[in-house]
PDB file of N, CA and C in Angstrom:
ATOM      1  N   MET A   1     117.895 104.141 121.071  1.00  0.00           N
ATOM      2  CA  MET A   1     119.353 104.049 120.479  1.00  0.00           C
ATOM      3  C   MET A   1     119.563 104.105 119.040  1.00  0.00           C
ATOM      4  N   LYS A   2     120.142 104.408 118.192  1.00  0.00           N
ATOM      5  CA  LYS A   2     120.607 104.610 116.780  1.00  0.00           C
ATOM      6  C   LYS A   2     120.878 103.271 116.505  1.00  0.00           C
ATOM      7  N   ILE A   3     120.644 103.126 115.184  1.00  0.00           N
ATOM      8  CA  ILE A   3     121.011 102.064 114.265  1.00  0.00           C
ATOM      9  C   ILE A   3     121.740 102.150 112.804  1.00  0.00           C
ATOM     10  N   PRO A   4     123.166 101.516 112.936  1.00  0.00           N
ATOM     11  CA  PRO A   4     124.243 102.164 111.992  1.00  0.00           C
ATOM     12  C   PRO A   4     123.814 101.360 110.624  1.00  0.00           C
ATOM     13  N   VAL A   5     123.410 102.059 109.884  1.00  0.00           N
ATOM     14  CA  VAL A   5     122.885 101.564 108.077  1.00  0.00           C
ATOM     15  C   VAL A   5     124.029 101.941 107.352  1.00  0.00           C
ATOM     16  N   THR A   6     123.690 101.516 106.127  1.00  0.00           N
ATOM     17  CA  THR A   6     124.735 102.058 104.906  1.00  0.00           C
ATOM     18  C   THR A   6     123.386 102.306 104.067  1.00  0.00           C
ATOM     19  N   LEU A   7     123.862 103.405 103.187  1.00  0.00           N
ATOM     20  CA  LEU A   7     122.413 103.617 102.082  1.00  0.00           C
ATOM     21  C   LEU A   7     122.815 102.932 100.746  1.00  0.00           C
ATOM     22  N   LYS A   8     121.866 102.988 100.121  1.00  0.00           N
ATOM     23  CA  LYS A   8     122.437 102.435  98.587  1.00  0.00           C
ATOM     24  C   LYS A   8     123.114 103.500  98.007  1.00  0.00           C
ATOM     25  N   GLY A   9     123.460 104.614  98.229  1.00  0.00           N
ATOM     26  CA  GLY A   9     124.347 105.136  97.526  1.00  0.00           C
ATOM     27  C   GLY A   9     125.733 105.017  98.476  1.00  0.00           C
ATOM     28  N   GLY A  10     125.835 104.305  99.175  1.00  0.00           N
ATOM     29  CA  GLY A  10     126.769 104.276 100.166  1.00  0.00           C
ATOM     30  C   GLY A  10     127.327 104.908 101.239  1.00  0.00           C
ATOM     31  N   THR A  11     126.043 106.298 101.867  1.00  0.00           N
ATOM     32  CA  THR A  11     126.570 107.469 102.304  1.00  0.00           C
ATOM     33  C   THR A  11     126.066 106.065 103.830  1.00  0.00           C
ATOM     34  N   LYS A  12     126.807 106.357 104.826  1.00  0.00           N
ATOM     35  CA  LYS A  12     126.745 105.771 106.349  1.00  0.00           C
ATOM     36  C   LYS A  12     126.078 106.820 107.163  1.00  0.00           C
ATOM     37  N   ARG A  13     125.008 105.996 107.822  1.00  0.00           N
ATOM     38  CA  ARG A  13     124.100 107.022 108.882  1.00  0.00           C
ATOM     39  C   ARG A  13     123.940 106.318 110.113  1.00  0.00           C
ATOM     40  N   ASP A  14     123.304 106.713 111.307  1.00  0.00           N
ATOM     41  CA  ASP A  14     122.897 105.942 112.093  1.00  0.00           C
ATOM     42  C   ASP A  14     121.375 106.521 112.431  1.00  0.00           C
ATOM     43  N   LEU A  15     120.491 105.483 112.405  1.00  0.00           N
ATOM     44  CA  LEU A  15     118.768 105.998 112.471  1.00  0.00           C
ATOM     45  C   LEU A  15     118.358 105.068 113.747  1.00  0.00           C
ATOM     46  N   CYS A  16     117.149 105.959 114.548  1.00  0.00           N
ATOM     47  CA  CYS A  16     116.288 105.524 115.127  1.00  0.00           C
ATOM     48  C   CYS A  16     115.555 104.693 114.660  1.00  0.00           C
ATOM     49  N   LYS A  17     114.832 103.781 115.421  1.00  0.00           N
ATOM     50  CA  LYS A  17     114.114 102.631 114.671  1.00  0.00           C
ATOM     51  C   LYS A  17     112.870 103.244 113.799  1.00  0.00           C
ATOM     52  N   ALA A  18     112.541 104.093 114.276  1.00  0.00           N
ATOM     53  CA  ALA A  18     111.190 104.438 113.125  1.00  0.00           C
ATOM     54  C   ALA A  18     111.728 105.354 111.887  1.00  0.00           C
ATOM     55  N   GLN A  19     113.072 105.632 111.768  1.00  0.00           N
ATOM     56  CA  GLN A  19     113.523 106.196 110.682  1.00  0.00           C
ATOM     57  C   GLN A  19     113.933 104.850 109.968  1.00  0.00           C
ATOM     58  N   LEU A  20     114.424 104.129 110.091  1.00  0.00           N
ATOM     59  CA  LEU A  20     115.335 102.575 109.678  1.00  0.00           C
ATOM     60  C   LEU A  20     113.850 102.119 108.659  1.00  0.00           C
ATOM     61  N   ASP A  21     112.403 101.800 109.895  1.00  0.00           N
ATOM     62  CA  ASP A  21     111.137 101.400 109.229  1.00  0.00           C
ATOM     63  C   ASP A  21     111.423 102.368 107.893  1.00  0.00           C
ATOM     64  N   CYS A  22     110.898 103.368 108.095  1.00  0.00           N
ATOM     65  CA  CYS A  22     110.852 104.475 107.054  1.00  0.00           C
ATOM     66  C   CYS A  22     111.304 104.355 105.829  1.00  0.00           C
ATOM     67  N   TYR A  23     113.048 104.271 105.837  1.00  0.00           N
ATOM     68  CA  TYR A  23     113.941 103.852 104.998  1.00  0.00           C
ATOM     69  C   TYR A  23     113.616 102.675 104.004  1.00  0.00           C
ATOM     70  N   LEU A  24     113.637 101.343 105.301  1.00  0.00           N
ATOM     71  CA  LEU A  24     113.681 100.305 104.669  1.00  0.00           C
ATOM     72  C   LEU A  24     112.160  99.946 104.095  1.00  0.00           C
ATOM     73  N   SER A  25     111.295 100.755 104.118  1.00  0.00           N
ATOM     74  CA  SER A  25     110.196 100.632 103.312  1.00  0.00           C
ATOM     75  C   SER A  25     109.835 101.194 102.162  1.00  0.00           C
ATOM     76  N   ALA A  26     110.772 102.153 101.895  1.00  0.00           N
ATOM     77  CA  ALA A  26     111.418 103.212 100.681  1.00  0.00           C
ATOM     78  C   ALA A  26     112.139 102.419  99.758  1.00  0.00           C
ATOM     79  N   GLY A  27     113.039 101.416 100.490  1.00  0.00           N
ATOM     80  CA  GLY A  27     113.674 100.574  99.534  1.00  0.00           C
ATOM     81  C   GLY A  27     115.163 101.653  99.836  1.00  0.00           C
ATOM     82  N   LEU A  28     115.696 102.397 100.574  1.00  0.00           N
ATOM     83  CA  LEU A  28     117.148 103.458 100.854  1.00  0.00           C
ATOM     84  C   LEU A  28     118.001 102.650 100.945  1.00  0.00           C
ATOM     85  N   ILE A  29     117.808 101.308 102.411  1.00  0.00           N
ATOM     86  CA  ILE A  29     119.225 101.121 102.881  1.00  0.00           C
ATOM     87  C   ILE A  29     119.802  99.540 102.206  1.00  0.00           C
ATOM     88  N   ALA A  30     120.795  99.705 102.219  1.00  0.00           N
ATOM     89  CA  ALA A  30     121.714  98.559 101.445  1.00  0.00           C
ATOM     90  C   ALA A  30     121.922  97.741 102.597  1.00  0.00           C
ATOM     91  N   SER A  31     122.365  98.236 103.761  1.00  0.00           N
ATOM     92  CA  SER A  31     123.009  96.797 105.222  1.00  0.00           C
ATOM     93  C   SER A  31     122.332  97.922 106.349  1.00  0.00           C
ATOM     94  N   PHE A  32     122.178  97.148 107.664  1.00  0.00           N
ATOM     95  CA  PHE A  32     122.335  97.845 108.907  1.00  0.00           C
ATOM     96  C   PHE A  32     122.712  96.589 109.558  1.00  0.00           C
ATOM     97  N   MET A  33     123.013  96.844 110.658  1.00  0.00           N
ATOM     98  CA  MET A  33     123.341  95.940 112.412  1.00  0.00           C
ATOM     99  C   MET A  33     122.283  95.686 112.393  1.00  0.00           C
ATOM    100  N   ARG A  34     122.400  94.584 112.720  1.00  0.00           N
ATOM    101  CA  ARG A  34     121.742  93.683 113.598  1.00  0.00           C
ATOM    102  C   ARG A  34     122.393  93.362 115.198  1.00  0.00           C
ATOM    103  N   SER A  35     122.190  92.902 116.021  1.00  0.00           N
ATOM    104  CA  SER A  35     122.775  92.247 117.295  1.00  0.00           C
ATOM    105  C   SER A  35     123.556  91.332 116.739  1.00  0.00           C
ATOM    106  N   ASP A  36     123.261  90.515 115.333  1.00  0.00           N
ATOM    107  CA  ASP A  36     123.866  89.475 115.199  1.00  0.00           C
ATOM    108  C   ASP A  36     125.081  89.402 114.210  1.00  0.00           C
ATOM    109  N   GLY A  37     124.912  91.157 113.656  1.00  0.00           N
ATOM    110  CA  GLY A  37     125.998  91.212 112.494  1.00  0.00           C
ATOM    111  C   GLY A  37     125.366  92.195 111.523  1.00  0.00           C
ATOM    112  N   TRP A  38     125.816  92.900 110.604  1.00  0.00           N
ATOM    113  CA  TRP A  38     125.175  93.344 109.409  1.00  0.00           C
ATOM    114  C   TRP A  38     124.387  92.589 108.414  1.00  0.00           C
ATOM    115  N   VAL A  39     123.286  92.945 108.416  1.00  0.00           N
ATOM    116  CA  VAL A  39     122.304  92.395 107.170  1.00  0.00           C
ATOM    117  C   VAL A  39     122.190  93.165 105.722  1.00  0.00           C
ATOM    118  N   LYS A  40     122.354  92.325 104.989  1.00  0.00           N
ATOM    119  CA  LYS A  40     121.887  92.770 103.758  1.00  0.00           C
ATOM    120  C   LYS A  40     120.566  92.920 103.279  1.00  0.00           C
ATOM    121  N   THR A  41     120.189  94.111 102.919  1.00  0.00           N
ATOM    122  CA  THR A  41     118.843  94.124 102.443  1.00  0.00           C
ATOM    123  C   THR A  41     118.183  93.119 100.855  1.00  0.00           C
ATOM    124  N   ASN A  42     119.069  93.248 100.435  1.00  0.00           N
ATOM    125  CA  ASN A  42     118.693  92.797  98.924  1.00  0.00           C
ATOM    126  C   ASN A  42     119.343  90.931  99.001  1.00  0.00           C
ATOM    127  N   ARG A  43     119.786  90.712 100.347  1.00  0.00           N
ATOM    128  CA  ARG A  43     120.022  88.905 100.782  1.00  0.00           C
ATOM    129  C   ARG A  43     119.182  88.631 101.438  1.00  0.00           C
ATOM    130  N   ASP A  44     119.618  89.029 102.974  1.00  0.00           N
ATOM    131  CA  ASP A  44     119.063  88.792 103.931  1.00  0.00           C
ATOM    132  C   ASP A  44     117.410  88.874 104.331  1.00  0.00           C
ATOM    133  N   LYS A  45     117.053  87.952 105.099  1.00  0.00           N
ATOM    134  CA  LYS A  45     115.485  87.661 105.490  1.00  0.00           C
ATOM    135  C   LYS A  45     115.375  89.323 106.447  1.00  0.00           C
ATOM    136  N   LEU A  46     114.176  89.553 106.163  1.00  0.00           N
ATOM    137  CA  LEU A  46     113.792  90.891 106.774  1.00  0.00           C
ATOM    138  C   LEU A  46     112.017  90.649 107.448  1.00  0.00           C
ATOM    139  N   ARG A  47     112.207  91.426 108.345  1.00  0.00           N
ATOM    140  CA  ARG A  47     110.916  91.285 108.685  1.00  0.00           C
ATOM    141  C   ARG A  47     109.501  92.061 108.245  1.00  0.00           C
ATOM    142  N   LYS A  48     108.502  91.612 107.979  1.00  0.00           N
ATOM    143  CA  LYS A  48     107.953  92.481 107.312  1.00  0.00           C
ATOM    144  C   LYS A  48     107.244  93.716 107.491  1.00  0.00           C
ATOM    145  N   ILE A  49     107.006  95.066 106.909  1.00  0.00           N
ATOM    146  CA  ILE A  49     106.335  96.035 107.235  1.00  0.00           C
ATOM    147  C   ILE A  49     104.788  96.225 107.706  1.00  0.00           C
ATOM    148  N   LYS A  50     104.492  96.031 108.638  1.00  0.00           N
ATOM    149  CA  LYS A  50     103.003  95.661 108.630  1.00  0.00           C
ATOM    150  C   LYS A  50     102.161  97.168 107.811  1.00  0.00           C
ATOM    151  N   ALA A  51     100.998  96.737 106.978  1.00  0.00           N
ATOM    152  CA  ALA A  51     100.129  97.538 106.564  1.00  0.00           C
ATOM    153  C   ALA A  51      98.786  97.537 107.771  1.00  0.00           C
ATOM    154  N   SER A  52      98.550  98.781 107.561  1.00  0.00           N
ATOM    155  CA  SER A  52      97.307  99.029 108.309  1.00  0.00           C
ATOM    156  C   SER A  52      96.218  98.597 107.134  1.00  0.00           C
ATOM    157  N   PHE A  53      95.204  97.990 108.213  1.00  0.00           N
ATOM    158  CA  PHE A  53      93.701  97.327 107.582  1.00  0.00           C
ATOM    159  C   PHE A  53      93.377  97.988 106.750  1.00  0.00           C
ATOM    160  N   ALA A  54      92.407  97.852 105.931  1.00  0.00           N
ATOM    161  CA  ALA A  54      91.702  99.033 105.064  1.00  0.00           C
ATOM    162  C   ALA A  54      90.358  98.625 105.242  1.00  0.00           C
ATOM    163  N   GLY A  55      90.093  97.329 105.213  1.00  0.00           N
ATOM    164  CA  GLY A  55      89.022  96.499 105.084  1.00  0.00           C
ATOM    165  C   GLY A  55      87.445  96.957 106.641  1.00  0.00           C
ATOM    166  N   LYS A  56      86.456  96.817 106.570  1.00  0.00           N
ATOM    167  CA  LYS A  56      85.445  96.717 107.213  1.00  0.00           C
ATOM    168  C   LYS A  56      85.930  95.651 108.720  1.00  0.00           C
ATOM    169  N   ASP A  57      85.844  96.406 109.848  1.00  0.00           N
ATOM    170  CA  ASP A  57      86.040  96.140 110.903  1.00  0.00           C
ATOM    171  C   ASP A  57      84.794  94.791 111.301  1.00  0.00           C
ATOM    172  N   ARG A  58      84.601  93.448 110.881  1.00  0.00           N
ATOM    173  CA  ARG A  58      83.642  92.631 111.102  1.00  0.00           C
ATOM    174  C   ARG A  58      83.678  92.505 112.539  1.00  0.00           C
ATOM    175  N   ARG A  59      84.380  92.273 113.183  1.00  0.00           N
ATOM    176  CA  ARG A  59      83.981  91.869 114.916  1.00  0.00           C
ATOM    177  C   ARG A  59      83.119  92.787 115.490  1.00  0.00           C
ATOM    178  N   LYS A  60      82.656  93.833 115.163  1.00  0.00           N
ATOM    179  CA  LYS A  60      82.194  94.625 115.958  1.00  0.00           C
ATOM    180  C   LYS A  60      80.448  94.618 115.300  1.00  0.00           C
ATOM    181  N   GLY A  61      79.675  94.178 116.625  1.00  0.00           N
ATOM    182  CA  GLY A  61      78.743  93.827 116.115  1.00  0.00           C
ATOM    183  C   GLY A  61      78.059  92.650 115.755  1.00  0.00           C
ATOM    184  N   GLY A  62      76.757  92.485 115.474  1.00  0.00           N
ATOM    185  CA  GLY A  62      76.423  91.037 115.465  1.00  0.00           C
ATOM    186  C   GLY A  62      75.898  90.187 117.015  1.00  0.00           C
ATOM    187  N   PRO A  63      75.875  89.006 116.561  1.00  0.00           N
ATOM    188  CA  PRO A  63      74.991  88.332 117.971  1.00  0.00           C
ATOM    189  C   PRO A  63      75.700  88.232 119.339  1.00  0.00           C
ATOM    190  N   PHE A  64      77.108  88.686 119.259  1.00  0.00           N
ATOM    191  CA  PHE A  64      77.718  88.387 120.290  1.00  0.00           C
ATOM    192  C   PHE A  64      78.132  89.811 121.046  1.00  0.00           C
ATOM    193  N   THR A  65      77.469  90.935 121.003  1.00  0.00           N
ATOM    194  CA  THR A  65      77.907  92.116 121.065  1.00  0.00           C
ATOM    195  C   THR A  65      77.410  92.005 122.897  1.00  0.00           C
ATOM    196  N   GLU A  66      77.196  93.062 123.627  1.00  0.00           N
ATOM    197  CA  GLU A  66      76.921  92.874 125.171  1.00  0.00           C
ATOM    198  C   GLU A  66      75.709  92.865 125.233  1.00  0.00           C
ATOM    199  N   GLU A  67      74.508  94.307 124.276  1.00  0.00           N
ATOM    200  CA  GLU A  67      73.164  94.024 124.770  1.00  0.00           C
ATOM    201  C   GLU A  67      72.716  92.813 123.891  1.00  0.00           C
ATOM    202  N   TYR A  68      73.245  91.743 123.235  1.00  0.00           N
ATOM    203  CA  TYR A  68      72.712  90.774 123.503  1.00  0.00           C
ATOM    204  C   TYR A  68      72.609  89.712 124.362  1.00  0.00           C
ATOM    205  N   TRP A  69      73.978  89.725 124.960  1.00  0.00           N
ATOM    206  CA  TRP A  69      74.256  88.975 126.401  1.00  0.00           C
ATOM    207  C   TRP A  69      72.884  89.572 127.693  1.00  0.00           C
ATOM    208  N   PHE A  70      73.162  90.699 127.680  1.00  0.00           N
ATOM    209  CA  PHE A  70      72.426  91.710 128.954  1.00  0.00           C
ATOM    210  C   PHE A  70      70.984  92.355 128.602  1.00  0.00           C
TER     211      PHE A  70
END
């Protein structure tokens, strides 16, 4: 499903969800349509774009691994 957007330069486009996420994180969108109406990116609350975690995964290993219990 395509989402109607207005870019900061005034151009209107229809974007898919993946494109919308990319354009939002690049700061190119002025407004876009939600189910409850138009959202202005400079004034309305937006969800946060999730960034990948770059740290060490501390859940792996340790005393609670399978080899500890079996």
